[in-house]
Amino acid sequence: MKDSTGTVMPGDVISDRYLVRGPLGRGGEGRVFRVTDLKLGKDWAMKVIAAEHSGPAGAETGELYREVRTLRALSHPNLPRITDIVEIECRLCIVMDLIEGRTLADVVKEEGAQPQEKVLSWARQLGEVLAYLHARKPPVIYRDMKPGNIMLRPDGRIILFDFGTAREQKEKAPGDTVCLGTYGYAAPEQYGGSGQTSPRTDIYGLGATLYHLLSGRSPSEPPYEMLPLRMIDPRILPGLERIVLTCTNKDPALRYENAEAFLDALDRVRNGKAAGTRIAKKTRRHLHRVSVPVL
């Protein structure tokens, strides 16, 4: 049976192989289910991309398939493996590792602002996975970094999941054609008409994510602003505050050039040294507000 949205239902068997057990969550482009592989006797997560995002057979579906195949080729300890791609009624079903744990959004919701040492460890893992993605040929731009898309496993390792908005960077493209990402975490250039997304776009989302983890305040909720972190908690290291401010600069040219530069600055903070990129005094004095373009 199909539900009112046209997605699969528990008890369905997809492609004569995957038995749908139940829903795990909903993403921007579809729903995620727990499924059992009837051939292997193993449970996976399956993301079913809604028909309006899959598009009819042809150019749009071909583009989506190409990007999903790119993701399938990824291999990194902080990414889930994509193990299979099947199609039902023009909908793509992406089969991937089932990640047990809690999202960092749930961790902050239940526990509040997180200790600096934990956040520094998570920041390094996130920086390393972004460095890996951006080093692909062509670079893979994730575009939706936020605590809700980061799973904390019981062993302390984090997994970046939900690649529904990821895309390959196209060097000759003047700009992205659609507005993607999550309000508060998305860089200004993600709102269309402001240029193509790039590795610096992911740097912005990383900074907004670190702000949420360190402050306990989501930039996607009122009053829609990111204050200098030490105004919220004076115990936060000045260098860590500067890193977050650099990452979330509205001007991409003033953010870290790449994930490696971010990791270098992070290591200097972890080693007790000053963070690398200098922040203008004006930026330090004023509120760092999240702007929303009028569409």
C-alpha atoms as a PDB file:
ATOM      1  CA  MET A   1       0.000   0.000   0.000  1.00  0.00           C
ATOM      2  CA  LYS A   2       0.938   3.619  -0.509  1.00  0.00           C
ATOM      3  CA  ASP A   3       0.088   6.367   1.938  1.00  0.00           C
ATOM      4  CA  SER A   4      -1.515   9.689   0.989  1.00  0.00           C
ATOM      5  CA  THR A   5       1.853  11.167   0.024  1.00  0.00           C
ATOM      6  CA  GLY A   6       2.632   8.303  -2.334  1.00  0.00           C
ATOM      7  CA  THR A   7       5.533   6.942  -0.322  1.00  0.00           C
ATOM      8  CA  VAL A   8       5.927   3.367   0.832  1.00  0.00           C
ATOM      9  CA  MET A   9       4.260   1.864   3.885  1.00  0.00           C
ATOM     10  CA  PRO A  10       5.460  -0.625   6.552  1.00  0.00           C
ATOM     11  CA  GLY A  11       5.106  -4.143   5.209  1.00  0.00           C
ATOM     12  CA  ASP A  12       5.904  -3.185   1.606  1.00  0.00           C
ATOM     13  CA  VAL A  13       8.705  -5.070  -0.123  1.00  0.00           C
ATOM     14  CA  ILE A  14      10.797  -2.882  -2.391  1.00  0.00           C
ATOM     15  CA  SER A  15      12.475  -4.380  -5.435  1.00  0.00           C
ATOM     16  CA  ASP A  16      11.647  -7.892  -4.138  1.00  0.00           C
ATOM     17  CA  ARG A  17      14.376  -7.437  -1.558  1.00  0.00           C
ATOM     18  CA  TYR A  18      13.799  -4.728   1.071  1.00  0.00           C
ATOM     19  CA  LEU A  19      11.047  -5.228   3.638  1.00  0.00           C
ATOM     20  CA  VAL A  20       9.904  -1.880   5.054  1.00  0.00           C
ATOM     21  CA  ARG A  21       9.791  -2.039   8.850  1.00  0.00           C
ATOM     22  CA  GLY A  22       8.802   1.504   9.790  1.00  0.00           C
ATOM     23  CA  PRO A  23       9.657   5.206   9.460  1.00  0.00           C
ATOM     24  CA  LEU A  24      12.885   6.670  10.841  1.00  0.00           C
ATOM     25  CA  GLY A  25      12.327  10.292   9.919  1.00  0.00           C
ATOM     26  CA  ARG A  26      11.609  12.797   7.191  1.00  0.00           C
ATOM     27  CA  GLY A  27      14.069  14.880   5.199  1.00  0.00           C
ATOM     28  CA  GLY A  28      13.660  17.782   2.837  1.00  0.00           C
ATOM     29  CA  GLU A  29      13.190  15.551  -0.187  1.00  0.00           C
ATOM     30  CA  GLY A  30      11.510  12.451   1.195  1.00  0.00           C
ATOM     31  CA  ARG A  31      11.089   9.992   4.028  1.00  0.00           C
ATOM     32  CA  VAL A  32      13.557   7.575   5.606  1.00  0.00           C
ATOM     33  CA  PHE A  33      12.556   4.043   6.600  1.00  0.00           C
ATOM     34  CA  ARG A  34      14.135   1.144   8.403  1.00  0.00           C
ATOM     35  CA  VAL A  35      14.226  -1.814   6.036  1.00  0.00           C
ATOM     36  CA  THR A  36      15.383  -5.417   6.266  1.00  0.00           C
ATOM     37  CA  ASP A  37      17.446  -6.845   3.436  1.00  0.00           C
ATOM     38  CA  LEU A  38      15.738 -10.182   2.785  1.00  0.00           C
ATOM     39  CA  LYS A  39      18.826 -11.518   0.984  1.00  0.00           C
ATOM     40  CA  LEU A  40      21.364 -10.598   3.654  1.00  0.00           C
ATOM     41  CA  GLY A  41      19.152 -10.578   6.759  1.00  0.00           C
ATOM     42  CA  LYS A  42      20.530  -7.130   7.621  1.00  0.00           C
ATOM     43  CA  ASP A  43      18.784  -3.874   8.448  1.00  0.00           C
ATOM     44  CA  TRP A  44      19.467  -0.703   6.470  1.00  0.00           C
ATOM     45  CA  ALA A  45      18.069   2.806   6.228  1.00  0.00           C
ATOM     46  CA  MET A  46      16.225   3.614   2.996  1.00  0.00           C
ATOM     47  CA  LYS A  47      15.528   7.163   1.863  1.00  0.00           C
ATOM     48  CA  VAL A  48      12.591   7.374  -0.533  1.00  0.00           C
ATOM     49  CA  ILE A  49      12.849  10.595  -2.527  1.00  0.00           C
ATOM     50  CA  ALA A  50       9.450  12.115  -3.210  1.00  0.00           C
ATOM     51  CA  ALA A  51       8.203  12.165  -6.794  1.00  0.00           C
ATOM     52  CA  GLU A  52       8.344  15.958  -7.095  1.00  0.00           C
ATOM     53  CA  HIS A  53      12.070  15.833  -6.319  1.00  0.00           C
ATOM     54  CA  SER A  54      12.818  12.714  -8.359  1.00  0.00           C
ATOM     55  CA  GLY A  55      11.112  14.183 -11.417  1.00  0.00           C
ATOM     56  CA  PRO A  56       9.901  12.316 -14.491  1.00  0.00           C
ATOM     57  CA  ALA A  57      12.169   9.979 -16.381  1.00  0.00           C
ATOM     58  CA  GLY A  58      14.625  12.064 -18.387  1.00  0.00           C
ATOM     59  CA  ALA A  59      17.034  14.909 -17.772  1.00  0.00           C
ATOM     60  CA  GLU A  60      16.071  15.728 -14.170  1.00  0.00           C
ATOM     61  CA  THR A  61      16.122  12.117 -13.070  1.00  0.00           C
ATOM     62  CA  GLY A  62      19.396  11.632 -14.933  1.00  0.00           C
ATOM     63  CA  GLU A  63      20.984  14.526 -13.013  1.00  0.00           C
ATOM     64  CA  LEU A  64      19.718  13.154  -9.707  1.00  0.00           C
ATOM     65  CA  TYR A  65      21.016   9.698 -10.557  1.00  0.00           C
ATOM     66  CA  ARG A  66      24.437  11.110 -11.386  1.00  0.00           C
ATOM     67  CA  GLU A  67      24.703  12.905  -8.072  1.00  0.00           C
ATOM     68  CA  VAL A  68      23.474   9.872  -6.094  1.00  0.00           C
ATOM     69  CA  ARG A  69      26.055   7.723  -7.886  1.00  0.00           C
ATOM     70  CA  THR A  70      28.696  10.237  -6.854  1.00  0.00           C
ATOM     71  CA  LEU A  71      27.613   9.890  -3.232  1.00  0.00           C
ATOM     72  CA  ARG A  72      27.639   6.114  -3.552  1.00  0.00           C
ATOM     73  CA  ALA A  73      31.330   6.258  -4.427  1.00  0.00           C
ATOM     74  CA  LEU A  74      32.180   8.079  -1.178  1.00  0.00           C
ATOM     75  CA  SER A  75      34.042   6.227   1.553  1.00  0.00           C
ATOM     76  CA  HIS A  76      34.825   7.960   4.844  1.00  0.00           C
ATOM     77  CA  PRO A  77      34.455   6.911   8.510  1.00  0.00           C
ATOM     78  CA  ASN A  78      32.167   9.907   9.194  1.00  0.00           C
ATOM     79  CA  LEU A  79      29.788   9.182   6.292  1.00  0.00           C
ATOM     80  CA  PRO A  80      27.173   6.441   5.879  1.00  0.00           C
ATOM     81  CA  ARG A  81      27.756   4.016   3.028  1.00  0.00           C
ATOM     82  CA  ILE A  82      25.250   4.019   0.187  1.00  0.00           C
ATOM     83  CA  THR A  83      24.882   0.369  -0.725  1.00  0.00           C
ATOM     84  CA  ASP A  84      22.100   0.301  -3.321  1.00  0.00           C
ATOM     85  CA  ILE A  85      19.881   2.508  -5.482  1.00  0.00           C
ATOM     86  CA  VAL A  86      16.504   1.268  -6.696  1.00  0.00           C
ATOM     87  CA  GLU A  87      13.559   2.958  -8.389  1.00  0.00           C
ATOM     88  CA  ILE A  88       9.829   2.552  -7.783  1.00  0.00           C
ATOM     89  CA  GLU A  89       7.237   4.496  -9.785  1.00  0.00           C
ATOM     90  CA  CYS A  90       9.798   7.172 -10.747  1.00  0.00           C
ATOM     91  CA  ARG A  91      10.930   7.521  -7.120  1.00  0.00           C
ATOM     92  CA  LEU A  92      14.513   6.901  -6.115  1.00  0.00           C
ATOM     93  CA  CYS A  93      15.140   4.704  -3.076  1.00  0.00           C
ATOM     94  CA  ILE A  94      18.615   5.090  -1.607  1.00  0.00           C
ATOM     95  CA  VAL A  95      19.748   2.252   0.662  1.00  0.00           C
ATOM     96  CA  MET A  96      22.437   3.143   3.191  1.00  0.00           C
ATOM     97  CA  ASP A  97      23.956   2.247   6.540  1.00  0.00           C
ATOM     98  CA  LEU A  98      21.538   2.322   9.470  1.00  0.00           C
ATOM     99  CA  ILE A  99      23.178   4.649  12.002  1.00  0.00           C
ATOM    100  CA  GLU A 100      22.300   4.069  15.649  1.00  0.00           C
ATOM    101  CA  GLY A 101      22.554   6.973  18.060  1.00  0.00           C
ATOM    102  CA  ARG A 102      21.194  10.490  18.644  1.00  0.00           C
ATOM    103  CA  THR A 103      21.390  13.562  16.460  1.00  0.00           C
ATOM    104  CA  LEU A 104      23.389  16.449  17.877  1.00  0.00           C
ATOM    105  CA  ALA A 105      20.161  18.475  17.722  1.00  0.00           C
ATOM    106  CA  ASP A 106      18.603  16.007  20.169  1.00  0.00           C
ATOM    107  CA  VAL A 107      21.730  16.089  22.340  1.00  0.00           C
ATOM    108  CA  VAL A 108      21.522  19.896  22.680  1.00  0.00           C
ATOM    109  CA  LYS A 109      17.760  19.787  23.200  1.00  0.00           C
ATOM    110  CA  GLU A 110      18.147  17.293  26.048  1.00  0.00           C
ATOM    111  CA  GLU A 111      21.406  18.531  27.596  1.00  0.00           C
ATOM    112  CA  GLY A 112      21.826  22.160  26.548  1.00  0.00           C
ATOM    113  CA  ALA A 113      25.080  23.765  25.399  1.00  0.00           C
ATOM    114  CA  GLN A 114      27.870  21.236  25.029  1.00  0.00           C
ATOM    115  CA  PRO A 115      31.326  21.297  26.671  1.00  0.00           C
ATOM    116  CA  GLN A 116      34.075  22.856  24.584  1.00  0.00           C
ATOM    117  CA  GLU A 117      36.191  19.714  24.566  1.00  0.00           C
ATOM    118  CA  LYS A 118      33.365  17.690  23.037  1.00  0.00           C
ATOM    119  CA  VAL A 119      32.623  20.373  20.463  1.00  0.00           C
ATOM    120  CA  LEU A 120      36.298  20.656  19.513  1.00  0.00           C
ATOM    121  CA  SER A 121      36.391  16.906  18.882  1.00  0.00           C
ATOM    122  CA  TRP A 122      33.213  17.031  16.796  1.00  0.00           C
ATOM    123  CA  ALA A 123      34.482  20.087  14.916  1.00  0.00           C
ATOM    124  CA  ARG A 124      37.639  18.244  13.894  1.00  0.00           C
ATOM    125  CA  GLN A 125      35.636  15.266  12.634  1.00  0.00           C
ATOM    126  CA  LEU A 126      33.315  17.565  10.669  1.00  0.00           C
ATOM    127  CA  GLY A 127      36.242  19.504   9.234  1.00  0.00           C
ATOM    128  CA  GLU A 128      37.890  16.284   8.119  1.00  0.00           C
ATOM    129  CA  VAL A 129      34.775  14.979   6.383  1.00  0.00           C
ATOM    130  CA  LEU A 130      34.263  18.324   4.612  1.00  0.00           C
ATOM    131  CA  ALA A 131      37.892  18.254   3.490  1.00  0.00           C
ATOM    132  CA  TYR A 132      37.258  14.791   2.053  1.00  0.00           C
ATOM    133  CA  LEU A 133      34.062  15.856   0.237  1.00  0.00           C
ATOM    134  CA  HIS A 134      35.620  19.012  -1.171  1.00  0.00           C
ATOM    135  CA  ALA A 135      38.637  17.079  -2.454  1.00  0.00           C
ATOM    136  CA  ARG A 136      36.466  14.979  -4.781  1.00  0.00           C
ATOM    137  CA  LYS A 137      36.686  15.659  -8.522  1.00  0.00           C
ATOM    138  CA  PRO A 138      34.477  17.627  -8.900  1.00  0.00           C
ATOM    139  CA  PRO A 139      34.027  18.796  -5.273  1.00  0.00           C
ATOM    140  CA  VAL A 140      30.912  17.624  -3.447  1.00  0.00           C
ATOM    141  CA  ILE A 141      29.214  20.518  -1.625  1.00  0.00           C
ATOM    142  CA  TYR A 142      27.063  19.267   1.241  1.00  0.00           C
ATOM    143  CA  ARG A 143      24.956  22.468   1.688  1.00  0.00           C
ATOM    144  CA  ASP A 144      22.888  21.445   4.735  1.00  0.00           C
ATOM    145  CA  MET A 145      25.226  21.254   7.719  1.00  0.00           C
ATOM    146  CA  LYS A 146      23.234  21.449  10.976  1.00  0.00           C
ATOM    147  CA  PRO A 147      23.025  19.489  14.261  1.00  0.00           C
ATOM    148  CA  GLY A 148      19.935  17.637  13.039  1.00  0.00           C
ATOM    149  CA  ASN A 149      21.958  16.073  10.213  1.00  0.00           C
ATOM    150  CA  ILE A 150      24.772  14.836  12.449  1.00  0.00           C
ATOM    151  CA  MET A 151      24.372  11.555  14.317  1.00  0.00           C
ATOM    152  CA  LEU A 152      26.351  10.853  17.489  1.00  0.00           C
ATOM    153  CA  ARG A 153      27.078   7.148  17.747  1.00  0.00           C
ATOM    154  CA  PRO A 154      27.415   5.389  21.115  1.00  0.00           C
ATOM    155  CA  ASP A 155      31.192   5.094  20.528  1.00  0.00           C
ATOM    156  CA  GLY A 156      31.528   8.898  20.268  1.00  0.00           C
ATOM    157  CA  ARG A 157      32.043   9.039  16.513  1.00  0.00           C
ATOM    158  CA  ILE A 158      29.780  11.352  14.551  1.00  0.00           C
ATOM    159  CA  ILE A 159      28.182  10.603  11.181  1.00  0.00           C
ATOM    160  CA  LEU A 160      27.114  13.281   8.694  1.00  0.00           C
ATOM    161  CA  PHE A 161      23.986  12.053   6.930  1.00  0.00           C
ATOM    162  CA  ASP A 162      21.104  13.226   4.701  1.00  0.00           C
ATOM    163  CA  PHE A 163      22.716  14.212   1.411  1.00  0.00           C
ATOM    164  CA  GLY A 164      19.418  15.371  -0.087  1.00  0.00           C
ATOM    165  CA  THR A 165      20.789  18.836  -0.926  1.00  0.00           C
ATOM    166  CA  ALA A 166      24.366  17.874  -1.797  1.00  0.00           C
ATOM    167  CA  ARG A 167      25.606  18.644  -5.296  1.00  0.00           C
ATOM    168  CA  GLU A 168      28.745  18.528  -7.387  1.00  0.00           C
ATOM    169  CA  GLN A 169      30.347  21.931  -7.842  1.00  0.00           C
ATOM    170  CA  LYS A 170      30.115  23.038 -11.475  1.00  0.00           C
ATOM    171  CA  GLU A 171      32.979  25.410 -12.188  1.00  0.00           C
ATOM    172  CA  LYS A 172      31.361  27.199 -15.153  1.00  0.00           C
ATOM    173  CA  ALA A 173      27.892  27.549 -13.663  1.00  0.00           C
ATOM    174  CA  PRO A 174      27.075  31.189 -12.749  1.00  0.00           C
ATOM    175  CA  GLY A 175      24.919  30.183  -9.793  1.00  0.00           C
ATOM    176  CA  ASP A 176      22.702  27.580  -8.217  1.00  0.00           C
ATOM    177  CA  THR A 177      19.182  27.427  -9.601  1.00  0.00           C
ATOM    178  CA  VAL A 178      17.292  26.635  -6.421  1.00  0.00           C
ATOM    179  CA  CYS A 179      17.323  27.758  -2.789  1.00  0.00           C
ATOM    180  CA  LEU A 180      18.416  24.862  -0.614  1.00  0.00           C
ATOM    181  CA  GLY A 181      19.565  24.423   2.945  1.00  0.00           C
ATOM    182  CA  THR A 182      18.102  25.167   6.364  1.00  0.00           C
ATOM    183  CA  TYR A 183      17.283  28.714   7.423  1.00  0.00           C
ATOM    184  CA  GLY A 184      19.782  29.954  10.008  1.00  0.00           C
ATOM    185  CA  TYR A 185      22.472  27.486   8.947  1.00  0.00           C
ATOM    186  CA  ALA A 186      22.435  28.186   5.192  1.00  0.00           C
ATOM    187  CA  ALA A 187      24.933  30.705   3.844  1.00  0.00           C
ATOM    188  CA  PRO A 188      23.548  33.798   2.063  1.00  0.00           C
ATOM    189  CA  GLU A 189      24.663  32.485  -1.327  1.00  0.00           C
ATOM    190  CA  GLN A 190      22.345  29.486  -0.934  1.00  0.00           C
ATOM    191  CA  TYR A 191      19.283  31.665  -1.400  1.00  0.00           C
ATOM    192  CA  GLY A 192      19.699  31.939  -5.170  1.00  0.00           C
ATOM    193  CA  GLY A 193      20.974  34.798  -7.291  1.00  0.00           C
ATOM    194  CA  SER A 194      24.008  35.300  -5.049  1.00  0.00           C
ATOM    195  CA  GLY A 195      26.468  33.074  -6.857  1.00  0.00           C
ATOM    196  CA  GLN A 196      27.285  29.394  -6.891  1.00  0.00           C
ATOM    197  CA  THR A 197      27.736  27.452  -3.689  1.00  0.00           C
ATOM    198  CA  SER A 198      31.303  26.380  -2.963  1.00  0.00           C
ATOM    199  CA  PRO A 199      33.365  24.832  -0.153  1.00  0.00           C
ATOM    200  CA  ARG A 200      33.069  28.163   1.665  1.00  0.00           C
ATOM    201  CA  THR A 201      29.297  27.578   1.759  1.00  0.00           C
ATOM    202  CA  ASP A 202      29.842  24.449   3.851  1.00  0.00           C
ATOM    203  CA  ILE A 203      32.237  26.409   6.069  1.00  0.00           C
ATOM    204  CA  TYR A 204      29.363  28.776   6.921  1.00  0.00           C
ATOM    205  CA  GLY A 205      27.064  25.888   7.866  1.00  0.00           C
ATOM    206  CA  LEU A 206      29.835  24.385   9.973  1.00  0.00           C
ATOM    207  CA  GLY A 207      30.245  27.652  11.876  1.00  0.00           C
ATOM    208  CA  ALA A 208      26.502  27.971  12.471  1.00  0.00           C
ATOM    209  CA  THR A 209      26.447  24.381  13.719  1.00  0.00           C
ATOM    210  CA  LEU A 210      29.311  25.023  16.150  1.00  0.00           C
ATOM    211  CA  TYR A 211      27.502  28.133  17.394  1.00  0.00           C
ATOM    212  CA  HIS A 212      24.409  26.048  18.171  1.00  0.00           C
ATOM    213  CA  LEU A 213      26.418  23.363  19.949  1.00  0.00           C
ATOM    214  CA  LEU A 214      28.419  25.824  22.052  1.00  0.00           C
ATOM    215  CA  SER A 215      25.599  28.236  22.910  1.00  0.00           C
ATOM    216  CA  GLY A 216      22.607  25.910  23.041  1.00  0.00           C
ATOM    217  CA  ARG A 217      20.814  28.463  20.833  1.00  0.00           C
ATOM    218  CA  SER A 218      19.600  27.607  17.343  1.00  0.00           C
ATOM    219  CA  PRO A 219      20.156  30.362  14.744  1.00  0.00           C
ATOM    220  CA  SER A 220      17.018  29.113  12.986  1.00  0.00           C
ATOM    221  CA  GLU A 221      14.795  30.169  15.908  1.00  0.00           C
ATOM    222  CA  PRO A 222      13.887  33.671  17.196  1.00  0.00           C
ATOM    223  CA  PRO A 223      15.616  36.078  17.597  1.00  0.00           C
ATOM    224  CA  TYR A 224      17.466  34.743  14.488  1.00  0.00           C
ATOM    225  CA  GLU A 225      20.908  35.985  15.427  1.00  0.00           C
ATOM    226  CA  MET A 226      24.337  34.752  16.360  1.00  0.00           C
ATOM    227  CA  LEU A 227      25.934  36.733  19.156  1.00  0.00           C
ATOM    228  CA  PRO A 228      29.673  36.565  19.811  1.00  0.00           C
ATOM    229  CA  LEU A 229      29.886  33.387  21.857  1.00  0.00           C
ATOM    230  CA  ARG A 230      31.715  34.929  24.813  1.00  0.00           C
ATOM    231  CA  MET A 231      28.764  37.261  25.359  1.00  0.00           C
ATOM    232  CA  ILE A 232      26.767  34.098  26.070  1.00  0.00           C
ATOM    233  CA  ASP A 233      29.449  32.168  27.951  1.00  0.00           C
ATOM    234  CA  PRO A 234      32.697  33.965  28.936  1.00  0.00           C
ATOM    235  CA  ARG A 235      34.354  30.583  29.513  1.00  0.00           C
ATOM    236  CA  ILE A 236      34.448  29.903  25.786  1.00  0.00           C
ATOM    237  CA  LEU A 237      37.963  30.243  24.381  1.00  0.00           C
ATOM    238  CA  PRO A 238      38.492  33.524  22.497  1.00  0.00           C
ATOM    239  CA  GLY A 239      40.083  31.600  19.629  1.00  0.00           C
ATOM    240  CA  LEU A 240      37.048  29.353  19.302  1.00  0.00           C
ATOM    241  CA  GLU A 241      34.761  32.385  19.224  1.00  0.00           C
ATOM    242  CA  ARG A 242      36.898  33.860  16.423  1.00  0.00           C
ATOM    243  CA  ILE A 243      36.684  30.637  14.443  1.00  0.00           C
ATOM    244  CA  VAL A 244      32.874  30.685  14.561  1.00  0.00           C
ATOM    245  CA  LEU A 245      32.779  34.358  13.555  1.00  0.00           C
ATOM    246  CA  THR A 246      35.126  33.708  10.634  1.00  0.00           C
ATOM    247  CA  CYS A 247      33.112  30.728   9.426  1.00  0.00           C
ATOM    248  CA  THR A 248      29.826  32.647   9.491  1.00  0.00           C
ATOM    249  CA  ASN A 249      30.959  35.844   7.797  1.00  0.00           C
ATOM    250  CA  LYS A 250      28.325  36.869   5.242  1.00  0.00           C
ATOM    251  CA  ASP A 251      31.064  37.497   2.677  1.00  0.00           C
ATOM    252  CA  PRO A 252      32.374  34.112   1.442  1.00  0.00           C
ATOM    253  CA  ALA A 253      35.774  35.674   0.674  1.00  0.00           C
ATOM    254  CA  LEU A 254      36.262  36.433   4.378  1.00  0.00           C
ATOM    255  CA  ARG A 255      35.541  32.897   5.569  1.00  0.00           C
ATOM    256  CA  TYR A 256      38.140  30.145   5.715  1.00  0.00           C
ATOM    257  CA  GLU A 257      39.182  29.305   2.182  1.00  0.00           C
ATOM    258  CA  ASN A 258      38.728  25.586   2.739  1.00  0.00           C
ATOM    259  CA  ALA A 259      38.325  22.927   5.388  1.00  0.00           C
ATOM    260  CA  GLU A 260      42.087  22.547   5.746  1.00  0.00           C
ATOM    261  CA  ALA A 261      42.383  26.205   6.781  1.00  0.00           C
ATOM    262  CA  PHE A 262      39.574  25.675   9.270  1.00  0.00           C
ATOM    263  CA  LEU A 263      41.335  22.622  10.710  1.00  0.00           C
ATOM    264  CA  ASP A 264      44.600  24.543  11.040  1.00  0.00           C
ATOM    265  CA  ALA A 265      42.853  27.269  13.042  1.00  0.00           C
ATOM    266  CA  LEU A 266      41.087  24.653  15.148  1.00  0.00           C
ATOM    267  CA  ASP A 267      44.356  22.924  15.942  1.00  0.00           C
ATOM    268  CA  ARG A 268      45.883  26.208  17.091  1.00  0.00           C
ATOM    269  CA  VAL A 269      42.989  26.642  19.502  1.00  0.00           C
ATOM    270  CA  ARG A 270      43.306  23.074  20.721  1.00  0.00           C
ATOM    271  CA  ASN A 271      47.006  23.640  21.262  1.00  0.00           C
ATOM    272  CA  GLY A 272      46.340  26.787  23.266  1.00  0.00           C
ATOM    273  CA  LYS A 273      47.392  29.225  20.531  1.00  0.00           C
ATOM    274  CA  ALA A 274      45.503  32.065  18.871  1.00  0.00           C
ATOM    275  CA  ALA A 275      43.135  31.193  16.033  1.00  0.00           C
ATOM    276  CA  GLY A 276      44.407  32.138  12.619  1.00  0.00           C
ATOM    277  CA  THR A 277      42.036  34.464  10.796  1.00  0.00           C
ATOM    278  CA  ARG A 278      41.688  37.950  12.307  1.00  0.00           C
ATOM    279  CA  ILE A 279      38.216  39.345  12.785  1.00  0.00           C
ATOM    280  CA  ALA A 280      37.592  43.040  12.279  1.00  0.00           C
ATOM    281  CA  LYS A 281      36.827  44.929  15.481  1.00  0.00           C
ATOM    282  CA  LYS A 282      33.537  46.068  14.009  1.00  0.00           C
ATOM    283  CA  THR A 283      32.489  42.447  13.524  1.00  0.00           C
ATOM    284  CA  ARG A 284      33.353  41.649  17.130  1.00  0.00           C
ATOM    285  CA  ARG A 285      31.376  44.593  18.505  1.00  0.00           C
ATOM    286  CA  HIS A 286      28.124  44.085  16.676  1.00  0.00           C
ATOM    287  CA  LEU A 287      25.589  41.306  16.625  1.00  0.00           C
ATOM    288  CA  HIS A 288      26.149  38.737  13.913  1.00  0.00           C
ATOM    289  CA  ARG A 289      22.622  38.529  12.523  1.00  0.00           C
ATOM    290  CA  VAL A 290      21.181  35.900  10.244  1.00  0.00           C
ATOM    291  CA  SER A 291      19.645  37.616   7.220  1.00  0.00           C
ATOM    292  CA  VAL A 292      16.837  36.189   5.130  1.00  0.00           C
ATOM    293  CA  PRO A 293      16.440  37.452   1.583  1.00  0.00           C
ATOM    294  CA  VAL A 294      13.036  38.416   0.293  1.00  0.00           C
ATOM    295  CA  LEU A 295      12.122  35.802  -2.310  1.00  0.00           C
END
